[in-house]
PDB file of N, CA and C in Angstrom:
ATOM      1  N   MET A   1       0.658 -20.422  20.970  1.00  0.00           N
ATOM      2  CA  MET A   1       1.599 -19.435  20.759  1.00  0.00           C
ATOM      3  C   MET A   1       2.459 -19.819  19.487  1.00  0.00           C
ATOM      4  N   ASP A   2       2.851 -20.900  19.539  1.00  0.00           N
ATOM      5  CA  ASP A   2       3.686 -21.571  18.340  1.00  0.00           C
ATOM      6  C   ASP A   2       2.914 -21.511  16.962  1.00  0.00           C
ATOM      7  N   THR A   3       1.646 -21.591  16.964  1.00  0.00           N
ATOM      8  CA  THR A   3       0.634 -21.583  15.860  1.00  0.00           C
ATOM      9  C   THR A   3       0.845 -20.215  15.393  1.00  0.00           C
ATOM     10  N   LEU A   4       0.668 -18.963  16.314  1.00  0.00           N
ATOM     11  CA  LEU A   4       0.640 -17.509  15.795  1.00  0.00           C
ATOM     12  C   LEU A   4       2.003 -17.322  15.273  1.00  0.00           C
ATOM     13  N   GLN A   5       3.029 -17.814  16.000  1.00  0.00           N
ATOM     14  CA  GLN A   5       4.391 -17.462  15.409  1.00  0.00           C
ATOM     15  C   GLN A   5       4.609 -17.958  14.014  1.00  0.00           C
ATOM     16  N   ALA A   6       4.164 -19.309  13.991  1.00  0.00           N
ATOM     17  CA  ALA A   6       4.203 -20.010  12.615  1.00  0.00           C
ATOM     18  C   ALA A   6       3.352 -19.266  11.118  1.00  0.00           C
ATOM     19  N   VAL A   7       2.241 -18.462  11.664  1.00  0.00           N
ATOM     20  CA  VAL A   7       1.417 -17.946  10.940  1.00  0.00           C
ATOM     21  C   VAL A   7       2.298 -16.403  10.541  1.00  0.00           C
ATOM     22  N   VAL A   8       2.701 -16.008  11.419  1.00  0.00           N
ATOM     23  CA  VAL A   8       3.578 -14.522  11.282  1.00  0.00           C
ATOM     24  C   VAL A   8       4.615 -14.739  10.562  1.00  0.00           C
ATOM     25  N   THR A   9       5.377 -15.815  10.677  1.00  0.00           N
ATOM     26  CA  THR A   9       6.567 -16.311   9.922  1.00  0.00           C
ATOM     27  C   THR A   9       6.249 -16.293   8.478  1.00  0.00           C
ATOM     28  N   ILE A  10       5.165 -17.231   8.299  1.00  0.00           N
ATOM     29  CA  ILE A  10       4.904 -17.601   6.803  1.00  0.00           C
ATOM     30  C   ILE A  10       4.373 -16.126   6.029  1.00  0.00           C
ATOM     31  N   LEU A  11       3.602 -15.342   6.948  1.00  0.00           N
ATOM     32  CA  LEU A  11       3.079 -14.158   6.066  1.00  0.00           C
ATOM     33  C   LEU A  11       4.458 -13.183   6.011  1.00  0.00           C
ATOM     34  N   GLY A  12       5.248 -13.106   6.923  1.00  0.00           N
ATOM     35  CA  GLY A  12       6.650 -12.487   6.788  1.00  0.00           C
ATOM     36  C   GLY A  12       7.386 -12.920   5.730  1.00  0.00           C
ATOM     37  N   ASN A  13       7.591 -14.135   5.697  1.00  0.00           N
ATOM     38  CA  ASN A  13       8.489 -14.590   4.697  1.00  0.00           C
ATOM     39  C   ASN A  13       7.901 -14.773   3.343  1.00  0.00           C
ATOM     40  N   GLY A  14       6.614 -14.963   3.216  1.00  0.00           N
ATOM     41  CA  GLY A  14       6.129 -15.317   1.840  1.00  0.00           C
ATOM     42  C   GLY A  14       5.270 -14.043   1.256  1.00  0.00           C
ATOM     43  N   PHE A  15       4.502 -13.321   2.191  1.00  0.00           N
ATOM     44  CA  PHE A  15       3.732 -12.231   1.527  1.00  0.00           C
ATOM     45  C   PHE A  15       4.321 -11.042   1.352  1.00  0.00           C
ATOM     46  N   PHE A  16       5.342 -10.828   1.870  1.00  0.00           N
ATOM     47  CA  PHE A  16       6.132  -9.427   1.840  1.00  0.00           C
ATOM     48  C   PHE A  16       6.863  -9.712   0.654  1.00  0.00           C
ATOM     49  N   PRO A  17       7.684 -10.529   0.286  1.00  0.00           N
ATOM     50  CA  PRO A  17       8.427 -10.856  -1.007  1.00  0.00           C
ATOM     51  C   PRO A  17       7.456 -10.788  -2.137  1.00  0.00           C
ATOM     52  N   ILE A  18       6.270 -11.214  -2.187  1.00  0.00           N
ATOM     53  CA  ILE A  18       5.321 -11.339  -3.027  1.00  0.00           C
ATOM     54  C   ILE A  18       4.684 -10.045  -3.377  1.00  0.00           C
ATOM     55  N   ALA A  19       4.436  -9.262  -2.366  1.00  0.00           N
ATOM     56  CA  ALA A  19       3.752  -8.004  -2.355  1.00  0.00           C
ATOM     57  C   ALA A  19       4.750  -7.042  -3.253  1.00  0.00           C
ATOM     58  N   VAL A  20       6.123  -7.028  -2.730  1.00  0.00           N
ATOM     59  CA  VAL A  20       6.993  -6.245  -3.205  1.00  0.00           C
ATOM     60  C   VAL A  20       7.388  -6.700  -4.634  1.00  0.00           C
ATOM     61  N   CYS A  21       7.306  -7.945  -5.083  1.00  0.00           N
ATOM     62  CA  CYS A  21       7.581  -8.152  -6.515  1.00  0.00           C
ATOM     63  C   CYS A  21       6.364  -7.579  -7.347  1.00  0.00           C
ATOM     64  N   GLY A  22       5.314  -7.764  -6.762  1.00  0.00           N
ATOM     65  CA  GLY A  22       3.810  -7.149  -7.448  1.00  0.00           C
ATOM     66  C   GLY A  22       3.901  -5.996  -7.729  1.00  0.00           C
ATOM     67  N   PHE A  23       4.526  -4.970  -6.655  1.00  0.00           N
ATOM     68  CA  PHE A  23       4.665  -3.561  -6.706  1.00  0.00           C
ATOM     69  C   PHE A  23       5.795  -3.148  -7.585  1.00  0.00           C
ATOM     70  N   LEU A  24       6.925  -3.867  -7.673  1.00  0.00           N
ATOM     71  CA  LEU A  24       7.982  -3.612  -8.530  1.00  0.00           C
ATOM     72  C   LEU A  24       7.506  -3.770 -10.032  1.00  0.00           C
ATOM     73  N   PHE A  25       6.910  -5.022 -10.333  1.00  0.00           N
ATOM     74  CA  PHE A  25       6.053  -5.273 -11.423  1.00  0.00           C
ATOM     75  C   PHE A  25       5.578  -4.185 -12.111  1.00  0.00           C
ATOM     76  N   TRP A  26       4.438  -3.433 -11.073  1.00  0.00           N
ATOM     77  CA  TRP A  26       3.656  -2.455 -11.498  1.00  0.00           C
ATOM     78  C   TRP A  26       4.516  -1.387 -11.700  1.00  0.00           C
ATOM     79  N   TYR A  27       5.578  -1.130 -11.061  1.00  0.00           N
ATOM     80  CA  TYR A  27       6.319   0.073 -11.125  1.00  0.00           C
ATOM     81  C   TYR A  27       6.940   0.325 -12.669  1.00  0.00           C
ATOM     82  N   VAL A  28       7.508  -0.781 -12.804  1.00  0.00           N
ATOM     83  CA  VAL A  28       8.353  -0.958 -14.120  1.00  0.00           C
ATOM     84  C   VAL A  28       7.480  -0.917 -15.233  1.00  0.00           C
ATOM     85  N   TRP A  29       6.320  -1.593 -15.245  1.00  0.00           N
ATOM     86  CA  TRP A  29       5.198  -1.491 -16.245  1.00  0.00           C
ATOM     87  C   TRP A  29       4.746  -0.075 -16.391  1.00  0.00           C
ATOM     88  N   ASN A  30       4.651   0.782 -15.474  1.00  0.00           N
ATOM     89  CA  ASN A  30       4.285   2.193 -15.719  1.00  0.00           C
ATOM     90  C   ASN A  30       5.549   2.938 -16.279  1.00  0.00           C
ATOM     91  N   LYS A  31       6.534   2.700 -15.730  1.00  0.00           N
ATOM     92  CA  LYS A  31       7.818   3.451 -16.306  1.00  0.00           C
ATOM     93  C   LYS A  31       7.987   2.926 -17.847  1.00  0.00           C
ATOM     94  N   ASP A  32       7.867   1.926 -18.070  1.00  0.00           N
ATOM     95  CA  ASP A  32       7.945   1.386 -19.551  1.00  0.00           C
ATOM     96  C   ASP A  32       6.950   2.220 -20.348  1.00  0.00           C
ATOM     97  N   LYS A  33       5.711   2.255 -19.788  1.00  0.00           N
ATOM     98  CA  LYS A  33       4.718   3.108 -20.614  1.00  0.00           C
ATOM     99  C   LYS A  33       5.171   4.465 -20.917  1.00  0.00           C
ATOM    100  N   GLN A  34       5.583   5.018 -19.816  1.00  0.00           N
ATOM    101  CA  GLN A  34       6.020   6.373 -19.797  1.00  0.00           C
ATOM    102  C   GLN A  34       6.979   6.563 -20.845  1.00  0.00           C
ATOM    103  N   HIS A  35       8.183   5.781 -20.672  1.00  0.00           N
ATOM    104  CA  HIS A  35       9.108   5.825 -21.522  1.00  0.00           C
ATOM    105  C   HIS A  35       8.835   5.615 -23.089  1.00  0.00           C
ATOM    106  N   LYS A  36       7.989   4.768 -23.365  1.00  0.00           N
ATOM    107  CA  LYS A  36       7.342   4.556 -24.866  1.00  0.00           C
ATOM    108  C   LYS A  36       6.710   5.994 -25.349  1.00  0.00           C
ATOM    109  N   ASP A  37       5.900   6.544 -24.300  1.00  0.00           N
ATOM    110  CA  ASP A  37       5.221   8.125 -24.824  1.00  0.00           C
ATOM    111  C   ASP A  37       6.454   8.932 -24.931  1.00  0.00           C
ATOM    112  N   GLU A  38       7.348   8.852 -24.164  1.00  0.00           N
ATOM    113  CA  GLU A  38       8.465   9.991 -24.366  1.00  0.00           C
ATOM    114  C   GLU A  38       9.231   9.819 -25.578  1.00  0.00           C
ATOM    115  N   ILE A  39       9.444   8.642 -25.920  1.00  0.00           N
ATOM    116  CA  ILE A  39      10.240   8.040 -27.299  1.00  0.00           C
ATOM    117  C   ILE A  39       9.196   8.585 -28.288  1.00  0.00           C
ATOM    118  N   SER A  40       8.072   8.508 -28.320  1.00  0.00           N
ATOM    119  CA  SER A  40       6.968   8.544 -29.154  1.00  0.00           C
ATOM    120  C   SER A  40       7.232  10.330 -29.827  1.00  0.00           C
ATOM    121  N   GLU A  41       7.032  11.133 -28.558  1.00  0.00           N
ATOM    122  CA  GLU A  41       7.166  12.515 -28.499  1.00  0.00           C
ATOM    123  C   GLU A  41       8.509  12.861 -29.113  1.00  0.00           C
ATOM    124  N   LEU A  42       9.680  12.355 -28.701  1.00  0.00           N
ATOM    125  CA  LEU A  42      10.838  12.546 -29.320  1.00  0.00           C
ATOM    126  C   LEU A  42      11.131  12.250 -30.818  1.00  0.00           C
ATOM    127  N   ARG A  43      10.365  11.110 -31.179  1.00  0.00           N
ATOM    128  CA  ARG A  43      10.589  10.681 -32.572  1.00  0.00           C
ATOM    129  C   ARG A  43       9.766  11.845 -33.415  1.00  0.00           C
ATOM    130  N   LYS A  44       8.688  12.275 -32.776  1.00  0.00           N
ATOM    131  CA  LYS A  44       7.827  13.261 -33.567  1.00  0.00           C
ATOM    132  C   LYS A  44       8.442  14.571 -33.722  1.00  0.00           C
ATOM    133  N   SER A  45       9.319  14.952 -32.752  1.00  0.00           N
ATOM    134  CA  SER A  45      10.024  16.231 -32.760  1.00  0.00           C
ATOM    135  C   SER A  45      11.244  16.005 -33.733  1.00  0.00           C
ATOM    136  N   ILE A  46      11.690  14.692 -33.676  1.00  0.00           N
ATOM    137  CA  ILE A  46      12.896  14.729 -34.711  1.00  0.00           C
ATOM    138  C   ILE A  46      12.569  14.649 -36.186  1.00  0.00           C
ATOM    139  N   ASP A  47      11.442  14.217 -36.308  1.00  0.00           N
ATOM    140  CA  ASP A  47      10.792  14.042 -37.795  1.00  0.00           C
ATOM    141  C   ASP A  47      10.352  15.437 -38.122  1.00  0.00           C
ATOM    142  N   ASN A  48       9.865  16.389 -37.172  1.00  0.00           N
ATOM    143  CA  ASN A  48       9.712  17.567 -37.654  1.00  0.00           C
ATOM    144  C   ASN A  48      10.963  18.570 -37.921  1.00  0.00           C
ATOM    145  N   ASN A  49      11.914  18.212 -37.071  1.00  0.00           N
ATOM    146  CA  ASN A  49      13.213  19.031 -37.259  1.00  0.00           C
ATOM    147  C   ASN A  49      13.833  18.416 -38.419  1.00  0.00           C
ATOM    148  N   THR A  50      13.742  17.263 -38.805  1.00  0.00           N
ATOM    149  CA  THR A  50      14.309  16.772 -40.432  1.00  0.00           C
ATOM    150  C   THR A  50      13.533  17.503 -41.303  1.00  0.00           C
ATOM    151  N   LYS A  51      12.250  17.467 -41.459  1.00  0.00           N
ATOM    152  CA  LYS A  51      11.499  18.304 -42.417  1.00  0.00           C
ATOM    153  C   LYS A  51      11.990  19.576 -42.648  1.00  0.00           C
ATOM    154  N   VAL A  52      12.260  20.260 -41.537  1.00  0.00           N
ATOM    155  CA  VAL A  52      12.578  21.750 -41.568  1.00  0.00           C
ATOM    156  C   VAL A  52      13.867  21.939 -42.162  1.00  0.00           C
ATOM    157  N   LEU A  53      14.792  20.950 -41.632  1.00  0.00           N
ATOM    158  CA  LEU A  53      16.212  21.077 -42.124  1.00  0.00           C
ATOM    159  C   LEU A  53      16.042  20.732 -43.750  1.00  0.00           C
ATOM    160  N   GLN A  54      15.306  19.709 -44.089  1.00  0.00           N
ATOM    161  CA  GLN A  54      15.351  19.317 -45.677  1.00  0.00           C
ATOM    162  C   GLN A  54      14.836  20.614 -46.306  1.00  0.00           C
ATOM    163  N   LYS A  55      13.808  21.433 -45.862  1.00  0.00           N
ATOM    164  CA  LYS A  55      13.339  22.698 -46.407  1.00  0.00           C
ATOM    165  C   LYS A  55      14.467  23.720 -46.332  1.00  0.00           C
ATOM    166  N   PHE A  56      15.223  23.795 -45.577  1.00  0.00           N
ATOM    167  CA  PHE A  56      16.345  24.824 -45.348  1.00  0.00           C
ATOM    168  C   PHE A  56      17.224  24.514 -46.462  1.00  0.00           C
ATOM    169  N   ILE A  57      17.644  23.160 -46.502  1.00  0.00           N
ATOM    170  CA  ILE A  57      18.700  22.571 -47.426  1.00  0.00           C
ATOM    171  C   ILE A  57      17.962  22.839 -48.899  1.00  0.00           C
ATOM    172  N   ASP A  58      17.075  22.489 -49.029  1.00  0.00           N
ATOM    173  CA  ASP A  58      16.203  22.769 -50.384  1.00  0.00           C
ATOM    174  C   ASP A  58      16.297  24.246 -50.732  1.00  0.00           C
ATOM    175  N   LYS A  59      16.053  25.030 -50.043  1.00  0.00           N
ATOM    176  CA  LYS A  59      16.193  26.575 -50.189  1.00  0.00           C
ATOM    177  C   LYS A  59      17.548  27.152 -50.567  1.00  0.00           C
ATOM    178  N   MET A  60      18.451  26.482 -49.614  1.00  0.00           N
ATOM    179  CA  MET A  60      19.906  26.927 -49.905  1.00  0.00           C
ATOM    180  C   MET A  60      20.414  26.231 -51.303  1.00  0.00           C
ATOM    181  N   GLU A  61      20.126  25.096 -51.510  1.00  0.00           N
ATOM    182  CA  GLU A  61      20.379  24.436 -52.879  1.00  0.00           C
ATOM    183  C   GLU A  61      19.858  25.446 -54.105  1.00  0.00           C
ATOM    184  N   GLY A  62      18.820  25.797 -53.964  1.00  0.00           N
ATOM    185  CA  GLY A  62      17.909  26.468 -54.945  1.00  0.00           C
ATOM    186  C   GLY A  62      18.710  27.768 -55.126  1.00  0.00           C
ATOM    187  N   GLY A  63      19.224  28.523 -54.263  1.00  0.00           N
ATOM    188  CA  GLY A  63      19.723  29.799 -54.309  1.00  0.00           C
ATOM    189  C   GLY A  63      21.193  29.966 -54.792  1.00  0.00           C
ATOM    190  N   VAL A  64      22.028  28.595 -54.816  1.00  0.00           N
ATOM    191  CA  VAL A  64      23.327  28.648 -55.179  1.00  0.00           C
ATOM    192  C   VAL A  64      23.328  28.015 -56.451  1.00  0.00           C
ATOM    193  N   LYS A  65      23.987  28.993 -57.323  1.00  0.00           N
ATOM    194  CA  LYS A  65      24.228  28.759 -58.773  1.00  0.00           C
ATOM    195  C   LYS A  65      25.819  28.156 -58.935  1.00  0.00           C
ATOM    196  N   LEU A  66      25.817  26.908 -59.303  1.00  0.00           N
ATOM    197  CA  LEU A  66      27.363  26.587 -59.839  1.00  0.00           C
ATOM    198  C   LEU A  66      27.885  26.508 -61.153  1.00  0.00           C
TER     199      LEU A  66
END
């Protein structure tokens, strides 16, 4: 009975924290990948907006005679 209790204690004190750390590592790794993908999409959107804004500015400057 003491041996069984020792095994349960070792598993409870050792395996569970290791499993939780492994899960959290996996979770953060996936969130980081998702974040990088989102940032990449935002960068593309900002670049496209910058191009459109520059075209607008060019047209406005071309139409104004000083």
